[in-house]
Amino acid sequence: MSVRIVAAAVVAFAITSPAFPQRTPTAADRAAIFKAAGFQAQGRNFTRCPDDPSASHSFGAIEVTDLNSDGKPEAWVREGSTFCYGNTGQAVVLLTKGADGAWRVLLDEVGIDLVEKTKHAGWPDITVGGPGTGPQPLFVFNGAKYVLRR
């Protein structure tokens, strides 16, 4: 059942994400994104959950997008692990690249992200949740980062 929930959330994310040509970050950006997101190198992979003994673990992955349609990249970093992240099985970190070239965290949560159609300060609202009923946590942009709205 939980696999279906994750798959549905991934499909929903793909449908509701703003259009942006997929970019592969440079090796330097990839390392900087993972570092800013709190991940550490483990061989050629990156993780925040280095002690996960389970088969459910998937190393950090980066998806580059343009959430606020300003032509500048944002990066989603996701890692899967029921050992570290419970029933939701995923951690998600959203980062943006500043004018100084440094990546900074806008959102860091455990759960499955879903970009909403509603916006605050030019950025889409983001729901981060997982298994369960009732409203999922909604995060809105306050001009500097995403904050919990409900």
C-alpha atoms as a PDB file:
ATOM      1  CA  MET A   1       0.000   0.000   0.000  1.00  0.00           C
ATOM      2  CA  SER A   2       2.729   2.497   0.911  1.00  0.00           C
ATOM      3  CA  VAL A   3       4.465   1.911  -2.434  1.00  0.00           C
ATOM      4  CA  ARG A   4       1.294   3.028  -4.224  1.00  0.00           C
ATOM      5  CA  ILE A   5       1.127   6.172  -2.096  1.00  0.00           C
ATOM      6  CA  VAL A   6       4.728   7.053  -2.939  1.00  0.00           C
ATOM      7  CA  ALA A   7       4.184   6.366  -6.643  1.00  0.00           C
ATOM      8  CA  ALA A   8       1.055   8.528  -6.687  1.00  0.00           C
ATOM      9  CA  ALA A   9       2.906  11.381  -5.002  1.00  0.00           C
ATOM     10  CA  VAL A  10       5.784  11.172  -7.480  1.00  0.00           C
ATOM     11  CA  VAL A  11       3.371  11.224 -10.428  1.00  0.00           C
ATOM     12  CA  ALA A  12       1.448  14.131  -8.885  1.00  0.00           C
ATOM     13  CA  PHE A  13       4.700  16.024  -8.389  1.00  0.00           C
ATOM     14  CA  ALA A  14       5.690  15.529 -12.011  1.00  0.00           C
ATOM     15  CA  ILE A  15       2.332  16.783 -13.238  1.00  0.00           C
ATOM     16  CA  THR A  16       2.204  19.892 -11.040  1.00  0.00           C
ATOM     17  CA  SER A  17       5.847  21.000 -11.281  1.00  0.00           C
ATOM     18  CA  PRO A  18       6.514  24.121 -13.336  1.00  0.00           C
ATOM     19  CA  ALA A  19       8.039  23.369 -16.705  1.00  0.00           C
ATOM     20  CA  PHE A  20      11.808  23.704 -16.652  1.00  0.00           C
ATOM     21  CA  PRO A  21      14.358  21.982 -18.806  1.00  0.00           C
ATOM     22  CA  GLN A  22      15.995  19.244 -16.795  1.00  0.00           C
ATOM     23  CA  ARG A  23      19.591  20.157 -16.068  1.00  0.00           C
ATOM     24  CA  THR A  24      22.299  17.978 -14.706  1.00  0.00           C
ATOM     25  CA  PRO A  25      24.287  19.905 -12.113  1.00  0.00           C
ATOM     26  CA  THR A  26      28.026  20.215 -12.603  1.00  0.00           C
ATOM     27  CA  ALA A  27      30.194  18.066 -10.341  1.00  0.00           C
ATOM     28  CA  ALA A  28      30.973  21.170  -8.248  1.00  0.00           C
ATOM     29  CA  ASP A  29      27.281  22.120  -7.940  1.00  0.00           C
ATOM     30  CA  ARG A  30      26.347  18.513  -7.140  1.00  0.00           C
ATOM     31  CA  ALA A  31      28.851  18.411  -4.280  1.00  0.00           C
ATOM     32  CA  ALA A  32      27.789  21.883  -3.056  1.00  0.00           C
ATOM     33  CA  ILE A  33      24.075  20.970  -3.197  1.00  0.00           C
ATOM     34  CA  PHE A  34      24.582  17.781  -1.203  1.00  0.00           C
ATOM     35  CA  LYS A  35      26.805  19.555   1.331  1.00  0.00           C
ATOM     36  CA  ALA A  36      24.301  22.411   1.835  1.00  0.00           C
ATOM     37  CA  ALA A  37      21.519  19.816   2.234  1.00  0.00           C
ATOM     38  CA  GLY A  38      23.461  18.067   5.023  1.00  0.00           C
ATOM     39  CA  PHE A  39      24.466  14.981   3.046  1.00  0.00           C
ATOM     40  CA  GLN A  40      27.839  13.282   3.305  1.00  0.00           C
ATOM     41  CA  ALA A  41      29.747  11.316   0.689  1.00  0.00           C
ATOM     42  CA  GLN A  42      29.621   7.551   0.924  1.00  0.00           C
ATOM     43  CA  GLY A  43      31.741   6.298  -1.948  1.00  0.00           C
ATOM     44  CA  ARG A  44      30.330   7.904  -5.095  1.00  0.00           C
ATOM     45  CA  ASN A  45      26.939   8.437  -3.442  1.00  0.00           C
ATOM     46  CA  PHE A  46      25.617  10.910  -0.872  1.00  0.00           C
ATOM     47  CA  THR A  47      23.470  10.216   2.194  1.00  0.00           C
ATOM     48  CA  ARG A  48      22.124  11.679   5.445  1.00  0.00           C
ATOM     49  CA  CYS A  49      21.340   8.182   6.654  1.00  0.00           C
ATOM     50  CA  PRO A  50      24.737   6.407   6.550  1.00  0.00           C
ATOM     51  CA  ASP A  51      23.889   3.699   9.093  1.00  0.00           C
ATOM     52  CA  ASP A  52      20.778   2.377   7.309  1.00  0.00           C
ATOM     53  CA  PRO A  53      21.086  -1.434   7.163  1.00  0.00           C
ATOM     54  CA  SER A  54      17.793  -1.910   5.298  1.00  0.00           C
ATOM     55  CA  ALA A  55      17.033  -2.662   1.679  1.00  0.00           C
ATOM     56  CA  SER A  56      14.686   0.341   1.616  1.00  0.00           C
ATOM     57  CA  HIS A  57      17.546   2.857   1.500  1.00  0.00           C
ATOM     58  CA  SER A  58      18.093   4.875  -1.657  1.00  0.00           C
ATOM     59  CA  PHE A  59      20.939   7.387  -1.769  1.00  0.00           C
ATOM     60  CA  GLY A  60      20.380  11.092  -2.271  1.00  0.00           C
ATOM     61  CA  ALA A  61      19.214  12.195  -5.705  1.00  0.00           C
ATOM     62  CA  ILE A  62      19.083  15.719  -7.136  1.00  0.00           C
ATOM     63  CA  GLU A  63      16.370  17.146  -9.382  1.00  0.00           C
ATOM     64  CA  VAL A  64      16.966  20.635 -10.789  1.00  0.00           C
ATOM     65  CA  THR A  65      13.928  22.798 -11.526  1.00  0.00           C
ATOM     66  CA  ASP A  66      12.773  26.438 -11.559  1.00  0.00           C
ATOM     67  CA  LEU A  67       9.953  26.676  -9.027  1.00  0.00           C
ATOM     68  CA  ASN A  68       9.380  30.425  -9.133  1.00  0.00           C
ATOM     69  CA  SER A  69       9.924  30.846 -12.906  1.00  0.00           C
ATOM     70  CA  ASP A  70      12.775  33.336 -12.491  1.00  0.00           C
ATOM     71  CA  GLY A  71      15.139  31.443 -14.793  1.00  0.00           C
ATOM     72  CA  LYS A  72      17.416  30.448 -11.902  1.00  0.00           C
ATOM     73  CA  PRO A  73      17.748  26.876 -10.667  1.00  0.00           C
ATOM     74  CA  GLU A  74      16.378  25.335  -7.527  1.00  0.00           C
ATOM     75  CA  ALA A  75      17.367  21.824  -6.516  1.00  0.00           C
ATOM     76  CA  TRP A  76      15.314  19.123  -4.841  1.00  0.00           C
ATOM     77  CA  VAL A  77      17.345  16.557  -2.927  1.00  0.00           C
ATOM     78  CA  ARG A  78      15.540  13.407  -1.884  1.00  0.00           C
ATOM     79  CA  GLU A  79      16.673  10.309  -0.013  1.00  0.00           C
ATOM     80  CA  GLY A  80      14.616   7.221   0.717  1.00  0.00           C
ATOM     81  CA  SER A  81      14.782   5.144   3.893  1.00  0.00           C
ATOM     82  CA  THR A  82      12.088   3.716   6.143  1.00  0.00           C
ATOM     83  CA  PHE A  83      14.841   3.043   8.712  1.00  0.00           C
ATOM     84  CA  CYS A  84      15.625   6.778   9.013  1.00  0.00           C
ATOM     85  CA  TYR A  85      12.384   8.429   7.868  1.00  0.00           C
ATOM     86  CA  GLY A  86       9.646   6.086   9.076  1.00  0.00           C
ATOM     87  CA  ASN A  87       6.438   5.347   7.155  1.00  0.00           C
ATOM     88  CA  THR A  88       6.868   8.264   4.792  1.00  0.00           C
ATOM     89  CA  GLY A  89      10.160   6.739   3.746  1.00  0.00           C
ATOM     90  CA  GLN A  90      11.659   9.941   2.369  1.00  0.00           C
ATOM     91  CA  ALA A  91      13.466  13.121   3.309  1.00  0.00           C
ATOM     92  CA  VAL A  92      13.236  16.116   1.002  1.00  0.00           C
ATOM     93  CA  VAL A  93      15.378  19.247   0.918  1.00  0.00           C
ATOM     94  CA  LEU A  94      14.725  22.186  -1.415  1.00  0.00           C
ATOM     95  CA  LEU A  95      17.628  24.541  -2.126  1.00  0.00           C
ATOM     96  CA  THR A  96      18.172  27.659  -4.208  1.00  0.00           C
ATOM     97  CA  LYS A  97      21.367  29.067  -5.644  1.00  0.00           C
ATOM     98  CA  GLY A  98      22.096  32.590  -4.449  1.00  0.00           C
ATOM     99  CA  ALA A  99      23.700  35.430  -6.378  1.00  0.00           C
ATOM    100  CA  ASP A 100      26.959  34.554  -4.590  1.00  0.00           C
ATOM    101  CA  GLY A 101      26.829  31.038  -6.077  1.00  0.00           C
ATOM    102  CA  ALA A 102      26.164  29.352  -2.735  1.00  0.00           C
ATOM    103  CA  TRP A 103      23.277  26.937  -2.314  1.00  0.00           C
ATOM    104  CA  ARG A 104      20.953  27.596   0.621  1.00  0.00           C
ATOM    105  CA  VAL A 105      18.136  25.521   2.085  1.00  0.00           C
ATOM    106  CA  LEU A 106      14.543  26.723   1.608  1.00  0.00           C
ATOM    107  CA  LEU A 107      12.791  23.635   2.986  1.00  0.00           C
ATOM    108  CA  ASP A 108      14.005  20.533   4.845  1.00  0.00           C
ATOM    109  CA  GLU A 109      11.346  17.995   5.827  1.00  0.00           C
ATOM    110  CA  VAL A 110      10.592  14.304   6.151  1.00  0.00           C
ATOM    111  CA  GLY A 111       7.829  13.282   3.781  1.00  0.00           C
ATOM    112  CA  ILE A 112       6.738  13.271   0.175  1.00  0.00           C
ATOM    113  CA  ASP A 113       6.634  16.682  -1.467  1.00  0.00           C
ATOM    114  CA  LEU A 114       3.827  17.918  -3.681  1.00  0.00           C
ATOM    115  CA  VAL A 115       4.026  21.297  -5.415  1.00  0.00           C
ATOM    116  CA  GLU A 116       0.644  23.038  -5.218  1.00  0.00           C
ATOM    117  CA  LYS A 117      -0.927  25.483  -7.697  1.00  0.00           C
ATOM    118  CA  THR A 118      -1.360  28.191  -5.040  1.00  0.00           C
ATOM    119  CA  LYS A 119       1.496  30.648  -4.474  1.00  0.00           C
ATOM    120  CA  HIS A 120       2.930  33.021  -1.877  1.00  0.00           C
ATOM    121  CA  ALA A 121       5.554  35.664  -2.724  1.00  0.00           C
ATOM    122  CA  GLY A 122       5.804  34.231  -6.256  1.00  0.00           C
ATOM    123  CA  TRP A 123       6.696  30.715  -5.092  1.00  0.00           C
ATOM    124  CA  PRO A 124       4.335  27.717  -5.182  1.00  0.00           C
ATOM    125  CA  ASP A 125       3.056  26.324  -1.916  1.00  0.00           C
ATOM    126  CA  ILE A 126       4.376  22.865  -1.060  1.00  0.00           C
ATOM    127  CA  THR A 127       2.610  20.066   0.770  1.00  0.00           C
ATOM    128  CA  VAL A 128       4.890  17.574   2.509  1.00  0.00           C
ATOM    129  CA  GLY A 129       3.217  14.516   3.918  1.00  0.00           C
ATOM    130  CA  GLY A 130       2.836  10.805   3.854  1.00  0.00           C
ATOM    131  CA  PRO A 131       0.527   7.998   4.859  1.00  0.00           C
ATOM    132  CA  GLY A 132      -2.510   8.980   6.835  1.00  0.00           C
ATOM    133  CA  THR A 133      -5.755  10.847   6.588  1.00  0.00           C
ATOM    134  CA  GLY A 134      -6.513  14.467   7.154  1.00  0.00           C
ATOM    135  CA  PRO A 135      -4.738  17.561   5.954  1.00  0.00           C
ATOM    136  CA  GLN A 136      -1.055  17.230   5.179  1.00  0.00           C
ATOM    137  CA  PRO A 137       1.372  19.970   6.308  1.00  0.00           C
ATOM    138  CA  LEU A 138       1.392  22.936   3.912  1.00  0.00           C
ATOM    139  CA  PHE A 139       4.479  25.129   3.555  1.00  0.00           C
ATOM    140  CA  VAL A 140       4.396  28.634   2.063  1.00  0.00           C
ATOM    141  CA  PHE A 141       7.237  30.914   1.026  1.00  0.00           C
ATOM    142  CA  ASN A 142       7.706  33.925   3.321  1.00  0.00           C
ATOM    143  CA  GLY A 143      10.217  35.793   1.143  1.00  0.00           C
ATOM    144  CA  ALA A 144      13.240  33.972   2.552  1.00  0.00           C
ATOM    145  CA  LYS A 145      12.272  30.320   3.100  1.00  0.00           C
ATOM    146  CA  TYR A 146       9.321  27.965   3.349  1.00  0.00           C
ATOM    147  CA  VAL A 147       7.404  28.041   6.653  1.00  0.00           C
ATOM    148  CA  LEU A 148       4.631  25.832   7.976  1.00  0.00           C
ATOM    149  CA  ARG A 149       1.184  27.286   7.210  1.00  0.00           C
ATOM    150  CA  ARG A 150      -0.962  24.377   8.499  1.00  0.00           C
END
